[in-house]
Amino acid sequence: MVIVWIGIAVGVLIVIALIMKLMRTPPHAAVTFEQRCKKCGSKTNGLKCPRCDKKPSFGV
């Protein structure tokens, strides 16, 4: 029974910490997603940049 009370207390503390973190975060900064490459600026849709990620081919 004591383990149940300890589990409930830990759960409540975690929920309080997450609510405080949510209150401190600006509304539009919670989820950011970069859709452009930082180096060349081409659209990547969140994937690796096909221009900047190319490896030089051997002998060409």
N, C-alpha and C. Protein backbone atom coordinates (compact mmCIF):
# COMPACT_ATOMS: atom_id res chain seq x y z
N MET A 1 0.83 -1.20 0.00
CA MET A 1 0.00 0.00 0.00
C MET A 1 0.87 1.26 0.00
N VAL A 2 2.00 1.18 0.67
CA VAL A 2 2.91 2.33 0.75
C VAL A 2 3.49 2.63 -0.64
N ILE A 3 3.76 1.57 -1.40
CA ILE A 3 4.31 1.76 -2.75
C ILE A 3 3.31 2.50 -3.63
N VAL A 4 2.03 2.23 -3.45
CA VAL A 4 1.00 2.92 -4.22
C VAL A 4 1.01 4.41 -3.90
N TRP A 5 1.12 4.75 -2.61
CA TRP A 5 1.14 6.16 -2.22
C TRP A 5 2.39 6.86 -2.74
N ILE A 6 3.52 6.16 -2.73
CA ILE A 6 4.75 6.75 -3.28
C ILE A 6 4.61 6.96 -4.78
N GLY A 7 4.02 6.01 -5.48
CA GLY A 7 3.79 6.15 -6.92
C GLY A 7 2.89 7.32 -7.25
N ILE A 8 1.83 7.48 -6.47
CA ILE A 8 0.91 8.60 -6.69
C ILE A 8 1.63 9.93 -6.44
N ALA A 9 2.44 10.00 -5.39
CA ALA A 9 3.17 11.24 -5.08
C ALA A 9 4.16 11.58 -6.20
N VAL A 10 4.87 10.58 -6.70
CA VAL A 10 5.82 10.83 -7.79
C VAL A 10 5.08 11.27 -9.04
N GLY A 11 3.96 10.65 -9.34
CA GLY A 11 3.16 11.04 -10.50
C GLY A 11 2.66 12.47 -10.40
N VAL A 12 2.21 12.87 -9.23
CA VAL A 12 1.73 14.24 -9.03
C VAL A 12 2.88 15.23 -9.20
N LEU A 13 4.06 14.90 -8.68
CA LEU A 13 5.22 15.79 -8.83
C LEU A 13 5.62 15.93 -10.30
N ILE A 14 5.57 14.86 -11.04
CA ILE A 14 5.90 14.92 -12.47
C ILE A 14 4.88 15.78 -13.22
N VAL A 15 3.61 15.62 -12.91
CA VAL A 15 2.57 16.42 -13.57
C VAL A 15 2.74 17.90 -13.24
N ILE A 16 3.06 18.22 -11.99
CA ILE A 16 3.27 19.62 -11.60
C ILE A 16 4.47 20.20 -12.34
N ALA A 17 5.55 19.43 -12.44
CA ALA A 17 6.73 19.92 -13.15
C ALA A 17 6.43 20.17 -14.63
N LEU A 18 5.67 19.28 -15.26
CA LEU A 18 5.33 19.46 -16.67
C LEU A 18 4.40 20.65 -16.89
N ILE A 19 3.48 20.87 -15.98
CA ILE A 19 2.58 22.03 -16.09
C ILE A 19 3.38 23.32 -15.93
N MET A 20 4.33 23.35 -14.99
CA MET A 20 5.15 24.55 -14.83
C MET A 20 6.00 24.80 -16.07
N LYS A 21 6.55 23.74 -16.66
CA LYS A 21 7.34 23.89 -17.87
C LYS A 21 6.47 24.40 -19.02
N LEU A 22 5.25 23.92 -19.11
CA LEU A 22 4.32 24.36 -20.15
C LEU A 22 3.96 25.83 -19.98
N MET A 23 3.79 26.28 -18.75
CA MET A 23 3.44 27.67 -18.50
C MET A 23 4.59 28.62 -18.83
N ARG A 24 5.82 28.17 -18.67
CA ARG A 24 6.98 29.03 -18.94
C ARG A 24 7.31 29.10 -20.43
N THR A 25 6.89 28.14 -21.21
CA THR A 25 7.20 28.09 -22.63
C THR A 25 6.28 29.03 -23.40
N PRO A 26 6.83 29.87 -24.30
CA PRO A 26 5.98 30.72 -25.13
C PRO A 26 5.05 29.86 -26.01
N PRO A 27 3.87 30.36 -26.36
CA PRO A 27 2.89 29.54 -27.07
C PRO A 27 3.37 29.05 -28.44
N HIS A 28 4.14 29.84 -29.15
CA HIS A 28 4.53 29.44 -30.50
C HIS A 28 5.90 28.77 -30.54
N ALA A 29 6.59 28.69 -29.41
CA ALA A 29 7.91 28.09 -29.37
C ALA A 29 7.88 26.65 -28.90
N ALA A 30 6.72 26.12 -28.59
CA ALA A 30 6.64 24.77 -28.06
C ALA A 30 7.04 23.74 -29.11
N VAL A 31 6.58 23.92 -30.34
CA VAL A 31 6.92 22.98 -31.41
C VAL A 31 7.47 23.78 -32.58
N THR A 32 8.75 23.65 -32.82
CA THR A 32 9.35 24.32 -33.97
C THR A 32 9.89 23.25 -34.90
N PHE A 33 9.85 23.55 -36.17
CA PHE A 33 10.22 22.58 -37.18
C PHE A 33 10.87 23.31 -38.33
N GLU A 34 12.14 23.07 -38.54
CA GLU A 34 12.90 23.77 -39.58
C GLU A 34 12.66 23.06 -40.92
N GLN A 35 12.10 23.77 -41.90
CA GLN A 35 11.80 23.18 -43.19
C GLN A 35 12.80 23.58 -44.26
N ARG A 36 13.76 24.37 -43.90
CA ARG A 36 14.77 24.80 -44.87
C ARG A 36 16.15 24.43 -44.35
N CYS A 37 17.06 24.18 -45.28
CA CYS A 37 18.44 23.84 -44.93
C CYS A 37 19.12 25.08 -44.37
N LYS A 38 19.93 24.90 -43.32
CA LYS A 38 20.62 26.02 -42.71
C LYS A 38 21.78 26.50 -43.57
N LYS A 39 22.35 25.61 -44.39
CA LYS A 39 23.50 25.99 -45.22
C LYS A 39 23.08 26.67 -46.52
N CYS A 40 22.20 26.01 -47.30
CA CYS A 40 21.90 26.53 -48.63
C CYS A 40 20.51 27.15 -48.75
N GLY A 41 19.61 26.86 -47.80
CA GLY A 41 18.29 27.47 -47.82
C GLY A 41 17.26 26.75 -48.66
N SER A 42 17.59 25.58 -49.22
CA SER A 42 16.61 24.85 -50.03
C SER A 42 15.60 24.16 -49.13
N LYS A 43 14.41 23.92 -49.66
CA LYS A 43 13.33 23.31 -48.90
C LYS A 43 13.61 21.82 -48.72
N THR A 44 13.52 21.35 -47.46
CA THR A 44 13.84 19.95 -47.17
C THR A 44 12.67 19.19 -46.58
N ASN A 45 11.62 19.86 -46.11
CA ASN A 45 10.48 19.24 -45.43
C ASN A 45 10.91 18.42 -44.22
N GLY A 46 11.95 18.87 -43.54
CA GLY A 46 12.39 18.22 -42.32
C GLY A 46 13.36 17.07 -42.53
N LEU A 47 13.66 16.73 -43.76
CA LEU A 47 14.59 15.64 -44.04
C LEU A 47 15.99 16.20 -44.24
N LYS A 48 16.94 15.33 -44.54
CA LYS A 48 18.30 15.80 -44.82
C LYS A 48 18.30 16.54 -46.14
N CYS A 49 19.15 17.53 -46.25
CA CYS A 49 19.25 18.32 -47.47
C CYS A 49 19.91 17.49 -48.57
N PRO A 50 19.26 17.32 -49.72
CA PRO A 50 19.86 16.52 -50.79
C PRO A 50 21.07 17.20 -51.43
N ARG A 51 21.12 18.52 -51.38
CA ARG A 51 22.25 19.23 -51.98
C ARG A 51 23.48 19.17 -51.08
N CYS A 52 23.31 19.46 -49.82
CA CYS A 52 24.44 19.56 -48.90
C CYS A 52 24.89 18.19 -48.39
N ASP A 53 24.05 17.18 -48.44
CA ASP A 53 24.37 15.88 -47.88
C ASP A 53 25.03 14.95 -48.89
N LYS A 54 25.18 15.38 -50.16
CA LYS A 54 25.80 14.52 -51.16
C LYS A 54 27.26 14.29 -50.83
N LYS A 55 27.65 13.06 -50.93
CA LYS A 55 29.05 12.72 -50.71
C LYS A 55 29.75 12.75 -52.07
N PRO A 56 30.95 13.27 -52.10
CA PRO A 56 31.65 13.30 -53.39
C PRO A 56 31.93 11.88 -53.89
N SER A 57 31.66 11.66 -55.17
CA SER A 57 31.88 10.33 -55.71
C SER A 57 33.37 10.13 -56.01
N PHE A 58 33.81 8.92 -55.96
CA PHE A 58 35.22 8.60 -56.13
C PHE A 58 35.62 8.74 -57.59
N GLY A 59 36.64 9.54 -57.88
CA GLY A 59 37.20 9.65 -59.22
C GLY A 59 36.45 10.57 -60.17
N VAL A 60 35.44 11.26 -59.70
CA VAL A 60 34.69 12.14 -60.61
C VAL A 60 34.84 13.56 -60.19
